[in-house]
N, C-alpha and C. Protein backbone atom coordinates (compact mmCIF):
# COMPACT_ATOMS: atom_id res chain seq x y z
N MET A 1 -136.25 250.19 163.12
CA MET A 1 -137.64 249.75 163.35
C MET A 1 -137.90 249.55 164.81
N LYS A 2 -139.08 249.94 165.27
CA LYS A 2 -139.40 249.81 166.65
C LYS A 2 -140.41 248.60 166.81
N LEU A 3 -140.11 247.69 167.75
CA LEU A 3 -140.93 246.54 168.01
C LEU A 3 -141.19 246.38 169.49
N ALA A 4 -142.43 246.01 169.84
CA ALA A 4 -142.65 245.59 171.21
C ALA A 4 -142.04 244.20 171.34
N ILE A 5 -141.56 243.86 172.55
CA ILE A 5 -140.79 242.62 172.74
C ILE A 5 -141.51 241.73 173.77
N LEU A 6 -141.72 240.47 173.38
CA LEU A 6 -142.22 239.46 174.26
C LEU A 6 -141.02 238.59 174.66
N PRO A 7 -140.59 238.63 175.90
CA PRO A 7 -139.42 237.86 176.33
C PRO A 7 -139.83 236.38 176.60
N LEU A 8 -139.11 235.44 176.04
CA LEU A 8 -139.35 234.04 176.24
C LEU A 8 -138.02 233.29 176.44
N THR A 9 -138.09 232.13 177.10
CA THR A 9 -136.89 231.39 177.30
C THR A 9 -136.74 230.31 176.21
N LEU A 10 -137.04 230.66 174.98
CA LEU A 10 -136.90 229.71 173.87
C LEU A 10 -136.48 230.51 172.65
N HIS A 11 -136.02 229.84 171.63
CA HIS A 11 -135.68 230.52 170.38
C HIS A 11 -136.66 230.14 169.31
N LEU A 12 -137.12 231.14 168.56
CA LEU A 12 -137.95 230.91 167.39
C LEU A 12 -137.19 231.56 166.23
N MET A 13 -137.12 230.82 165.11
CA MET A 13 -136.40 231.27 163.96
C MET A 13 -137.39 231.64 162.85
N PRO A 14 -136.95 232.38 161.83
CA PRO A 14 -137.78 232.62 160.67
C PRO A 14 -138.36 231.33 160.09
N GLY A 15 -139.66 231.37 159.80
CA GLY A 15 -140.32 230.17 159.31
C GLY A 15 -140.92 229.25 160.38
N GLY A 16 -140.47 229.49 161.63
CA GLY A 16 -141.04 228.69 162.71
C GLY A 16 -142.31 229.23 163.22
N LYS A 17 -143.16 228.38 163.78
CA LYS A 17 -144.45 228.82 164.32
C LYS A 17 -144.54 228.39 165.75
N LEU A 18 -145.27 229.20 166.52
CA LEU A 18 -145.37 229.00 167.96
C LEU A 18 -146.75 229.44 168.49
N PRO A 19 -147.48 228.57 169.23
CA PRO A 19 -148.70 229.00 169.87
C PRO A 19 -148.43 229.67 171.21
N LEU A 20 -149.16 230.69 171.50
CA LEU A 20 -148.95 231.48 172.71
C LEU A 20 -150.25 231.72 173.43
N ARG A 21 -150.22 231.72 174.80
CA ARG A 21 -151.32 232.14 175.62
C ARG A 21 -151.04 233.57 176.03
N ILE A 22 -152.02 234.47 175.81
CA ILE A 22 -151.84 235.87 176.13
C ILE A 22 -152.83 236.20 177.23
N PHE A 23 -152.29 236.70 178.42
CA PHE A 23 -153.20 237.03 179.48
C PHE A 23 -152.85 238.31 180.20
N GLU A 24 -151.58 238.75 180.22
CA GLU A 24 -151.26 240.01 180.86
C GLU A 24 -151.70 241.18 179.97
N SER A 25 -152.21 242.22 180.63
CA SER A 25 -152.80 243.36 179.88
C SER A 25 -151.77 244.02 178.96
N ARG A 26 -150.49 244.05 179.35
CA ARG A 26 -149.49 244.67 178.46
C ARG A 26 -149.31 243.86 177.19
N TYR A 27 -149.42 242.53 177.27
CA TYR A 27 -149.28 241.73 176.06
C TYR A 27 -150.54 241.64 175.23
N ILE A 28 -151.74 241.83 175.89
CA ILE A 28 -152.94 242.02 175.10
C ILE A 28 -152.86 243.26 174.26
N ARG A 29 -152.33 244.33 174.91
CA ARG A 29 -152.12 245.58 174.13
C ARG A 29 -151.11 245.37 173.00
N MET A 30 -150.07 244.65 173.29
CA MET A 30 -149.06 244.36 172.23
C MET A 30 -149.66 243.66 171.07
N VAL A 31 -150.48 242.65 171.32
CA VAL A 31 -151.13 241.88 170.26
C VAL A 31 -152.08 242.76 169.45
N SER A 32 -152.86 243.60 170.13
CA SER A 32 -153.78 244.50 169.47
C SER A 32 -153.06 245.46 168.58
N GLU A 33 -151.95 246.06 169.04
CA GLU A 33 -151.20 247.02 168.24
C GLU A 33 -150.49 246.34 167.10
N ALA A 34 -149.99 245.09 167.38
CA ALA A 34 -149.34 244.35 166.29
C ALA A 34 -150.32 244.01 165.15
N ALA A 35 -151.52 243.69 165.52
CA ALA A 35 -152.56 243.39 164.49
C ALA A 35 -152.98 244.58 163.72
N SER A 36 -153.06 245.76 164.43
CA SER A 36 -153.54 246.95 163.76
C SER A 36 -152.48 247.58 162.86
N THR A 37 -151.20 247.47 163.24
CA THR A 37 -150.13 248.16 162.44
C THR A 37 -149.58 247.22 161.36
N GLY A 38 -149.74 245.93 161.59
CA GLY A 38 -149.13 244.96 160.58
C GLY A 38 -147.65 244.78 160.73
N ASN A 39 -147.03 245.42 161.74
CA ASN A 39 -145.60 245.28 161.93
C ASN A 39 -145.23 244.04 162.76
N GLY A 40 -146.23 243.41 163.41
CA GLY A 40 -145.89 242.30 164.23
C GLY A 40 -145.25 242.74 165.52
N PHE A 41 -144.58 241.86 166.20
CA PHE A 41 -143.82 242.17 167.39
C PHE A 41 -142.57 241.30 167.46
N GLY A 42 -141.73 241.49 168.43
CA GLY A 42 -140.52 240.76 168.51
C GLY A 42 -140.52 239.75 169.65
N ILE A 43 -139.94 238.57 169.39
CA ILE A 43 -139.71 237.62 170.50
C ILE A 43 -138.22 237.76 170.88
N GLY A 44 -138.05 238.16 172.12
CA GLY A 44 -136.69 238.27 172.64
C GLY A 44 -136.37 237.03 173.45
N MET A 45 -135.15 236.58 173.31
CA MET A 45 -134.74 235.35 173.98
C MET A 45 -134.04 235.67 175.33
N LEU A 46 -134.59 235.14 176.40
CA LEU A 46 -134.08 235.36 177.75
C LEU A 46 -132.95 234.37 178.03
N ASP A 47 -131.90 234.87 178.64
CA ASP A 47 -130.84 233.98 179.11
C ASP A 47 -131.30 233.47 180.47
N ASP A 48 -131.58 232.13 180.48
CA ASP A 48 -132.14 231.53 181.71
C ASP A 48 -131.14 230.63 182.44
N GLU A 49 -129.85 230.96 182.32
CA GLU A 49 -128.83 230.17 183.06
C GLU A 49 -129.06 230.30 184.53
N PRO A 50 -129.05 229.17 185.25
CA PRO A 50 -129.37 229.22 186.69
C PRO A 50 -128.43 230.10 187.50
N LYS A 51 -127.17 230.29 187.04
CA LYS A 51 -126.18 231.06 187.81
C LYS A 51 -126.54 232.52 187.81
N LYS A 52 -127.37 232.95 186.92
CA LYS A 52 -127.76 234.38 186.86
C LYS A 52 -128.87 234.67 187.87
N ARG A 53 -128.73 235.80 188.57
CA ARG A 53 -129.74 236.15 189.54
C ARG A 53 -131.05 236.65 188.87
N THR A 54 -130.87 237.28 187.76
CA THR A 54 -132.08 237.74 187.02
C THR A 54 -131.90 237.38 185.51
N HIS A 55 -133.06 237.26 184.87
CA HIS A 55 -133.01 236.98 183.42
C HIS A 55 -132.49 238.23 182.69
N SER A 56 -131.71 237.98 181.62
CA SER A 56 -131.29 239.09 180.78
C SER A 56 -131.68 238.73 179.33
N LEU A 57 -131.83 239.73 178.54
CA LEU A 57 -132.28 239.52 177.23
C LEU A 57 -131.13 239.47 176.24
N PHE A 58 -131.07 238.44 175.41
CA PHE A 58 -130.04 238.36 174.39
C PHE A 58 -130.35 239.45 173.36
N MET A 59 -129.35 239.86 172.59
CA MET A 59 -129.46 240.92 171.61
C MET A 59 -130.09 240.44 170.29
N LEU A 60 -130.07 239.17 170.04
CA LEU A 60 -130.69 238.61 168.83
C LEU A 60 -132.07 238.12 169.12
N GLY A 61 -133.03 238.49 168.32
CA GLY A 61 -134.40 238.00 168.49
C GLY A 61 -135.01 237.80 167.10
N THR A 62 -136.33 237.51 167.10
CA THR A 62 -137.00 237.27 165.85
C THR A 62 -138.32 238.01 165.78
N ARG A 63 -138.50 238.75 164.68
CA ARG A 63 -139.83 239.40 164.46
C ARG A 63 -140.83 238.37 164.09
N VAL A 64 -142.08 238.50 164.58
CA VAL A 64 -143.11 237.54 164.28
C VAL A 64 -144.36 238.28 163.76
N GLN A 65 -145.15 237.56 163.03
CA GLN A 65 -146.46 238.04 162.58
C GLN A 65 -147.52 237.05 163.18
N ILE A 66 -148.63 237.62 163.57
CA ILE A 66 -149.71 236.72 164.10
C ILE A 66 -150.43 236.09 162.91
N VAL A 67 -150.51 234.79 162.88
CA VAL A 67 -151.20 234.08 161.82
C VAL A 67 -152.48 233.45 162.20
N ASP A 68 -152.79 233.48 163.56
CA ASP A 68 -154.09 232.92 163.94
C ASP A 68 -154.44 233.45 165.34
N PHE A 69 -155.77 233.67 165.58
CA PHE A 69 -156.28 234.08 166.84
C PHE A 69 -157.34 233.00 167.24
N TYR A 70 -157.46 232.70 168.54
CA TYR A 70 -158.52 231.74 168.96
C TYR A 70 -158.71 231.91 170.48
N SER A 71 -159.84 231.48 170.95
CA SER A 71 -160.12 231.48 172.38
C SER A 71 -159.75 230.13 172.96
N LEU A 72 -159.03 230.16 174.05
CA LEU A 72 -158.65 228.91 174.71
C LEU A 72 -159.74 228.43 175.65
N SER A 73 -159.62 227.17 176.09
CA SER A 73 -160.68 226.59 176.93
C SER A 73 -160.84 227.34 178.26
N ASP A 74 -159.73 228.01 178.73
CA ASP A 74 -159.81 228.74 179.98
C ASP A 74 -160.29 230.17 179.78
N GLY A 75 -160.67 230.50 178.53
CA GLY A 75 -161.20 231.83 178.23
C GLY A 75 -160.12 232.84 177.83
N LEU A 76 -158.85 232.45 177.91
CA LEU A 76 -157.76 233.35 177.55
C LEU A 76 -157.61 233.41 176.07
N LEU A 77 -156.91 234.43 175.61
CA LEU A 77 -156.62 234.62 174.20
C LEU A 77 -155.47 233.74 173.82
N GLY A 78 -155.67 233.02 172.71
CA GLY A 78 -154.58 232.25 172.14
C GLY A 78 -154.24 232.81 170.76
N ILE A 79 -152.93 232.82 170.49
CA ILE A 79 -152.51 233.23 169.14
C ILE A 79 -151.42 232.27 168.65
N THR A 80 -151.28 232.17 167.35
CA THR A 80 -150.13 231.49 166.78
C THR A 80 -149.33 232.50 165.99
N VAL A 81 -148.03 232.54 166.21
CA VAL A 81 -147.16 233.46 165.50
C VAL A 81 -146.17 232.69 164.62
N GLU A 82 -145.72 233.42 163.56
CA GLU A 82 -144.72 232.85 162.65
C GLU A 82 -143.55 233.80 162.56
N GLY A 83 -142.32 233.25 162.72
CA GLY A 83 -141.12 234.07 162.60
C GLY A 83 -140.93 234.55 161.18
N THR A 84 -140.57 235.86 161.03
CA THR A 84 -140.36 236.41 159.71
C THR A 84 -138.88 236.78 159.46
N GLU A 85 -138.26 237.48 160.41
CA GLU A 85 -136.86 237.84 160.27
C GLU A 85 -136.19 237.85 161.64
N ARG A 86 -134.87 237.61 161.63
CA ARG A 86 -134.10 237.86 162.83
C ARG A 86 -133.85 239.35 162.97
N PHE A 87 -133.59 239.79 164.18
CA PHE A 87 -133.21 241.16 164.34
C PHE A 87 -132.11 241.32 165.42
N LEU A 88 -131.49 242.47 165.41
CA LEU A 88 -130.46 242.83 166.43
C LEU A 88 -131.04 244.02 167.20
N ILE A 89 -131.10 243.86 168.52
CA ILE A 89 -131.61 244.96 169.36
C ILE A 89 -130.53 246.06 169.48
N ARG A 90 -130.91 247.24 169.14
CA ARG A 90 -129.99 248.43 169.24
C ARG A 90 -130.19 249.16 170.55
N SER A 91 -131.48 249.26 171.04
CA SER A 91 -131.73 249.87 172.31
C SER A 91 -133.03 249.36 172.86
N LEU A 92 -133.20 249.44 174.17
CA LEU A 92 -134.41 248.97 174.82
C LEU A 92 -135.01 250.06 175.73
N SER A 93 -136.31 250.09 175.78
CA SER A 93 -136.98 250.99 176.74
C SER A 93 -138.22 250.19 177.30
N GLN A 94 -138.84 250.77 178.32
CA GLN A 94 -139.94 250.09 178.94
C GLN A 94 -141.11 251.09 179.07
N ASP A 95 -142.31 250.65 178.65
CA ASP A 95 -143.52 251.44 178.80
C ASP A 95 -143.94 251.45 180.26
N ALA A 96 -144.88 252.32 180.56
CA ALA A 96 -145.37 252.42 181.98
C ALA A 96 -145.96 251.11 182.45
N ASP A 97 -146.57 250.30 181.60
CA ASP A 97 -147.13 249.08 182.03
C ASP A 97 -146.17 247.91 181.99
N GLY A 98 -144.90 248.19 181.67
CA GLY A 98 -143.86 247.16 181.72
C GLY A 98 -143.55 246.51 180.38
N LEU A 99 -144.28 246.90 179.32
CA LEU A 99 -144.00 246.33 178.00
C LEU A 99 -142.69 246.84 177.47
N LEU A 100 -141.82 245.91 177.09
CA LEU A 100 -140.50 246.33 176.50
C LEU A 100 -140.69 246.78 175.07
N GLN A 101 -139.99 247.82 174.71
CA GLN A 101 -139.90 248.32 173.34
C GLN A 101 -138.48 248.37 172.92
N ALA A 102 -138.23 247.94 171.65
CA ALA A 102 -136.82 247.89 171.21
C ALA A 102 -136.71 248.56 169.84
N GLU A 103 -135.64 249.27 169.67
CA GLU A 103 -135.24 249.71 168.34
C GLU A 103 -134.35 248.58 167.79
N VAL A 104 -134.71 248.07 166.61
CA VAL A 104 -134.02 246.91 166.06
C VAL A 104 -133.60 247.15 164.65
N SER A 105 -132.57 246.39 164.28
CA SER A 105 -132.14 246.32 162.88
C SER A 105 -132.50 244.89 162.42
N LEU A 106 -133.25 244.84 161.31
CA LEU A 106 -133.63 243.52 160.77
C LEU A 106 -132.44 242.92 160.00
N LEU A 107 -132.26 241.63 160.15
CA LEU A 107 -131.20 240.89 159.45
C LEU A 107 -131.75 240.09 158.31
N ASP A 108 -130.95 239.86 157.28
CA ASP A 108 -131.37 239.06 156.11
C ASP A 108 -131.59 237.66 156.56
N ASN A 109 -132.62 237.02 155.99
CA ASN A 109 -132.86 235.60 156.27
C ASN A 109 -131.85 234.73 155.61
N TRP A 110 -131.65 233.53 156.17
CA TRP A 110 -130.78 232.57 155.55
C TRP A 110 -131.34 232.15 154.21
N GLN A 111 -130.49 232.06 153.20
CA GLN A 111 -130.90 231.64 151.85
C GLN A 111 -131.18 230.13 151.83
N SER A 112 -132.22 229.80 151.09
CA SER A 112 -132.52 228.37 150.93
C SER A 112 -131.42 227.70 150.15
N CYS A 113 -131.12 226.49 150.53
CA CYS A 113 -130.14 225.66 149.77
C CYS A 113 -130.52 224.20 150.07
N THR A 114 -130.09 223.33 149.19
CA THR A 114 -130.49 221.95 149.27
C THR A 114 -129.58 221.10 150.11
N LEU A 115 -130.17 220.27 150.99
CA LEU A 115 -129.38 219.34 151.79
C LEU A 115 -128.67 218.37 150.86
N SER A 116 -127.42 218.08 151.16
CA SER A 116 -126.65 217.04 150.45
C SER A 116 -127.18 215.65 150.85
N SER A 117 -126.86 214.65 150.09
CA SER A 117 -127.33 213.30 150.44
C SER A 117 -126.79 212.91 151.83
N PHE A 118 -125.61 213.33 152.19
CA PHE A 118 -125.04 213.03 153.50
C PHE A 118 -125.80 213.78 154.64
N GLU A 119 -126.27 214.98 154.34
CA GLU A 119 -126.97 215.79 155.31
C GLU A 119 -128.43 215.42 155.46
N ARG A 120 -128.94 214.60 154.59
CA ARG A 120 -130.41 214.24 154.62
C ARG A 120 -130.78 213.55 155.93
N VAL A 121 -129.81 213.05 156.67
CA VAL A 121 -130.13 212.45 157.95
C VAL A 121 -130.83 213.48 158.85
N LEU A 122 -130.44 214.71 158.74
CA LEU A 122 -131.11 215.75 159.56
C LEU A 122 -132.57 215.87 159.20
N SER A 123 -132.91 215.82 157.93
CA SER A 123 -134.28 215.84 157.51
C SER A 123 -135.05 214.63 157.99
N ASP A 124 -134.40 213.46 157.76
CA ASP A 124 -135.04 212.16 158.15
C ASP A 124 -135.38 212.16 159.71
N LYS A 125 -134.38 212.61 160.48
CA LYS A 125 -134.58 212.64 161.95
C LYS A 125 -135.62 213.67 162.35
N LEU A 126 -135.64 214.79 161.66
CA LEU A 126 -136.65 215.80 161.97
C LEU A 126 -138.05 215.31 161.64
N GLN A 127 -138.17 214.50 160.61
CA GLN A 127 -139.48 213.92 160.28
C GLN A 127 -139.88 212.96 161.41
N GLU A 128 -138.94 212.23 162.01
CA GLU A 128 -139.28 211.38 163.15
C GLU A 128 -139.73 212.18 164.33
N VAL A 129 -139.13 213.33 164.55
CA VAL A 129 -139.52 214.22 165.63
C VAL A 129 -140.95 214.68 165.40
N PHE A 130 -141.24 215.07 164.17
CA PHE A 130 -142.60 215.52 163.83
C PHE A 130 -143.65 214.39 164.02
N ASP A 131 -143.22 213.17 163.71
CA ASP A 131 -144.11 212.01 163.92
C ASP A 131 -144.35 211.77 165.42
N GLU A 132 -143.30 212.01 166.22
CA GLU A 132 -143.41 211.77 167.67
C GLU A 132 -144.20 212.91 168.36
N TYR A 133 -144.08 214.10 167.79
CA TYR A 133 -144.72 215.30 168.38
C TYR A 133 -145.67 215.90 167.35
N PRO A 134 -146.86 215.31 167.19
CA PRO A 134 -147.79 215.76 166.14
C PRO A 134 -148.13 217.26 166.24
N GLU A 135 -148.01 217.86 167.43
CA GLU A 135 -148.33 219.30 167.55
C GLU A 135 -147.33 220.10 166.72
N LEU A 136 -146.09 219.61 166.59
CA LEU A 136 -145.10 220.29 165.71
C LEU A 136 -145.54 220.16 164.24
N ALA A 137 -145.93 218.96 163.85
CA ALA A 137 -146.35 218.74 162.48
C ALA A 137 -147.53 219.61 162.10
N GLU A 138 -148.50 219.77 163.09
CA GLU A 138 -149.66 220.62 162.82
C GLU A 138 -149.29 222.06 162.59
N LEU A 139 -148.24 222.53 163.25
CA LEU A 139 -147.79 223.91 163.07
C LEU A 139 -147.10 224.13 161.70
N HIS A 140 -146.57 223.05 161.12
CA HIS A 140 -145.87 223.14 159.88
C HIS A 140 -146.47 222.19 158.82
N PRO A 141 -147.64 222.51 158.28
CA PRO A 141 -148.34 221.62 157.34
C PRO A 141 -147.64 221.48 156.00
N SER A 142 -146.69 222.42 155.69
CA SER A 142 -145.97 222.32 154.38
C SER A 142 -144.49 222.32 154.63
N PRO A 143 -143.97 221.27 155.28
CA PRO A 143 -142.52 221.23 155.62
C PRO A 143 -141.69 221.21 154.40
N ARG A 144 -140.48 221.87 154.48
CA ARG A 144 -139.56 221.93 153.39
C ARG A 144 -138.37 221.00 153.71
N TRP A 145 -138.61 219.70 153.58
CA TRP A 145 -137.67 218.70 154.03
C TRP A 145 -136.26 218.74 153.30
N THR A 146 -136.25 219.26 152.12
CA THR A 146 -134.95 219.31 151.38
C THR A 146 -134.23 220.65 151.52
N ASP A 147 -134.85 221.56 152.20
CA ASP A 147 -134.28 222.94 152.34
C ASP A 147 -133.42 222.96 153.61
N ALA A 148 -132.06 223.07 153.41
CA ALA A 148 -131.11 223.02 154.51
C ALA A 148 -131.41 224.16 155.51
N ALA A 149 -131.71 225.35 155.06
CA ALA A 149 -131.92 226.45 156.01
C ALA A 149 -133.19 226.20 156.86
N TRP A 150 -134.27 225.74 156.22
CA TRP A 150 -135.52 225.48 156.95
C TRP A 150 -135.29 224.35 158.00
N VAL A 151 -134.68 223.28 157.56
CA VAL A 151 -134.46 222.13 158.46
C VAL A 151 -133.58 222.52 159.65
N THR A 152 -132.51 223.25 159.33
CA THR A 152 -131.58 223.70 160.39
C THR A 152 -132.33 224.60 161.41
N GLN A 153 -133.16 225.51 160.90
CA GLN A 153 -133.84 226.42 161.86
C GLN A 153 -134.78 225.66 162.73
N ARG A 154 -135.49 224.67 162.21
CA ARG A 154 -136.41 223.91 163.01
C ARG A 154 -135.62 223.10 164.08
N TRP A 155 -134.45 222.59 163.75
CA TRP A 155 -133.63 221.89 164.74
C TRP A 155 -133.22 222.83 165.87
N LEU A 156 -132.82 224.07 165.51
CA LEU A 156 -132.38 225.04 166.53
C LEU A 156 -133.55 225.40 167.48
N GLU A 157 -134.79 225.26 166.98
CA GLU A 157 -135.96 225.56 167.84
C GLU A 157 -136.23 224.43 168.85
N VAL A 158 -135.98 223.17 168.44
CA VAL A 158 -136.40 222.07 169.27
C VAL A 158 -135.29 221.45 170.11
N LEU A 159 -134.06 221.58 169.73
CA LEU A 159 -132.96 221.04 170.54
C LEU A 159 -132.77 221.81 171.81
N PRO A 160 -132.48 221.11 172.92
CA PRO A 160 -132.28 221.86 174.20
C PRO A 160 -130.87 222.32 174.32
N LEU A 161 -130.48 223.28 173.42
CA LEU A 161 -129.16 223.86 173.45
C LEU A 161 -129.20 225.03 174.44
N GLY A 162 -128.00 225.41 174.94
CA GLY A 162 -127.90 226.57 175.77
C GLY A 162 -128.17 227.82 174.95
N GLY A 163 -128.69 228.87 175.60
CA GLY A 163 -129.02 230.08 174.88
C GLY A 163 -127.84 230.70 174.18
N HIS A 164 -126.65 230.69 174.83
CA HIS A 164 -125.50 231.26 174.20
C HIS A 164 -125.09 230.53 172.94
N GLN A 165 -125.22 229.19 172.99
CA GLN A 165 -124.82 228.38 171.80
C GLN A 165 -125.80 228.69 170.66
N THR A 166 -127.12 228.73 170.93
CA THR A 166 -128.11 228.99 169.94
C THR A 166 -127.92 230.37 169.34
N GLN A 167 -127.62 231.36 170.22
CA GLN A 167 -127.43 232.72 169.71
C GLN A 167 -126.22 232.81 168.73
N LEU A 168 -125.14 232.11 169.07
CA LEU A 168 -123.96 232.13 168.20
C LEU A 168 -124.32 231.54 166.80
N LEU A 169 -125.05 230.44 166.80
CA LEU A 169 -125.44 229.83 165.52
C LEU A 169 -126.43 230.71 164.76
N MET A 170 -127.39 231.28 165.51
CA MET A 170 -128.41 232.12 164.93
C MET A 170 -127.82 233.39 164.30
N ALA A 171 -126.69 233.85 164.82
CA ALA A 171 -126.05 235.10 164.35
C ALA A 171 -125.33 234.94 163.03
N GLU A 172 -125.18 233.73 162.58
CA GLU A 172 -124.47 233.49 161.30
C GLU A 172 -125.23 234.01 160.12
N ASP A 173 -124.53 234.35 159.05
CA ASP A 173 -125.16 234.89 157.86
C ASP A 173 -125.88 233.80 156.98
N ASN A 174 -125.53 232.54 157.23
CA ASN A 174 -126.18 231.42 156.53
C ASN A 174 -126.24 230.22 157.47
N CYS A 175 -126.80 229.14 156.95
CA CYS A 175 -127.08 228.01 157.83
C CYS A 175 -125.91 227.03 157.94
N ARG A 176 -124.79 227.31 157.26
CA ARG A 176 -123.71 226.26 157.17
C ARG A 176 -123.08 225.87 158.48
N ARG A 177 -122.78 226.90 159.34
CA ARG A 177 -122.10 226.54 160.63
C ARG A 177 -123.09 225.75 161.48
N ALA A 178 -124.35 226.16 161.55
CA ALA A 178 -125.33 225.46 162.37
C ALA A 178 -125.56 224.04 161.80
N LEU A 179 -125.54 223.93 160.47
CA LEU A 179 -125.74 222.61 159.85
C LEU A 179 -124.59 221.66 160.20
N ALA A 180 -123.38 222.17 160.18
CA ALA A 180 -122.23 221.35 160.52
C ALA A 180 -122.28 220.93 162.02
N PHE A 181 -122.70 221.89 162.86
CA PHE A 181 -122.87 221.59 164.28
C PHE A 181 -123.90 220.50 164.51
N LEU A 182 -125.05 220.66 163.82
CA LEU A 182 -126.11 219.64 163.97
C LEU A 182 -125.68 218.24 163.49
N MET A 183 -124.86 218.23 162.44
CA MET A 183 -124.39 216.92 161.94
C MET A 183 -123.52 216.16 162.96
N THR A 184 -122.92 216.92 163.90
CA THR A 184 -122.14 216.25 164.95
C THR A 184 -123.05 215.75 166.08
N MET A 185 -124.27 216.25 166.15
CA MET A 185 -125.21 215.87 167.24
C MET A 185 -126.25 214.82 166.86
N VAL A 186 -126.69 214.88 165.61
CA VAL A 186 -127.74 213.98 165.23
C VAL A 186 -127.17 212.69 164.60
N LYS A 187 -127.37 211.57 165.31
CA LYS A 187 -126.86 210.32 164.88
C LYS A 187 -127.92 209.57 164.10
N PRO A 188 -127.46 208.77 163.12
CA PRO A 188 -128.46 208.05 162.32
C PRO A 188 -129.40 207.14 163.06
N ASP A 189 -128.93 206.62 164.24
CA ASP A 189 -129.74 205.64 164.97
C ASP A 189 -130.46 206.21 166.18
N SER A 190 -130.52 207.55 166.31
CA SER A 190 -131.16 208.08 167.49
C SER A 190 -131.71 209.47 167.18
N VAL A 191 -132.68 209.86 167.99
CA VAL A 191 -133.20 211.22 167.99
C VAL A 191 -132.79 211.88 169.30
N PRO A 192 -132.06 213.04 169.26
CA PRO A 192 -131.60 213.67 170.47
C PRO A 192 -132.78 214.14 171.33
N GLY A 193 -132.50 214.29 172.61
CA GLY A 193 -133.52 214.85 173.51
C GLY A 193 -134.03 216.18 173.05
N LEU A 194 -135.30 216.47 173.24
CA LEU A 194 -135.89 217.71 172.71
C LEU A 194 -136.32 218.63 173.81
N ARG A 195 -136.50 219.89 173.44
CA ARG A 195 -137.02 220.87 174.35
C ARG A 195 -138.57 220.65 174.37
N HIS A 196 -139.16 220.56 175.54
CA HIS A 196 -140.59 220.32 175.63
C HIS A 196 -141.31 221.61 176.01
């Protein structure tokens, strides 16, 4: 499958939503083509480690669909996208205007499974995060608090983890490894620092 790629320094997982400001002509074209074909586009995750001289694109990304269009107060185009599947980049090319195009292989989504009573602390703490950051709650009006895969993916989006760490967890076939990792980070009496 071929997808246009929007490079960002954050991770979005399937089921996650993200508002975006679109202003460069190449990305306006990307949005127009994504809307007309129904294929969506890809969000590629940039490695933003300070020791690197230039940003590089990780091989795992997420295909998104546009779920809302709106005009922003500054007159720019605003869209909200929702992640649908993870993908693996097989090859990259660049259009004349600089838009990245990738041949990708789509990966199966993590299967839903129920949080154990011990793991419910992750859901409880995520609800506290949503209470503290209402913009997150607005993006997810129908949260799946008992679904381990959904809760785990939302945590991977908001925790300020390094890109390499997030990529390793994102590459797993199910949520179990990421869930176990999160259980070591989320304490019952605190909410960890978040990505803003």
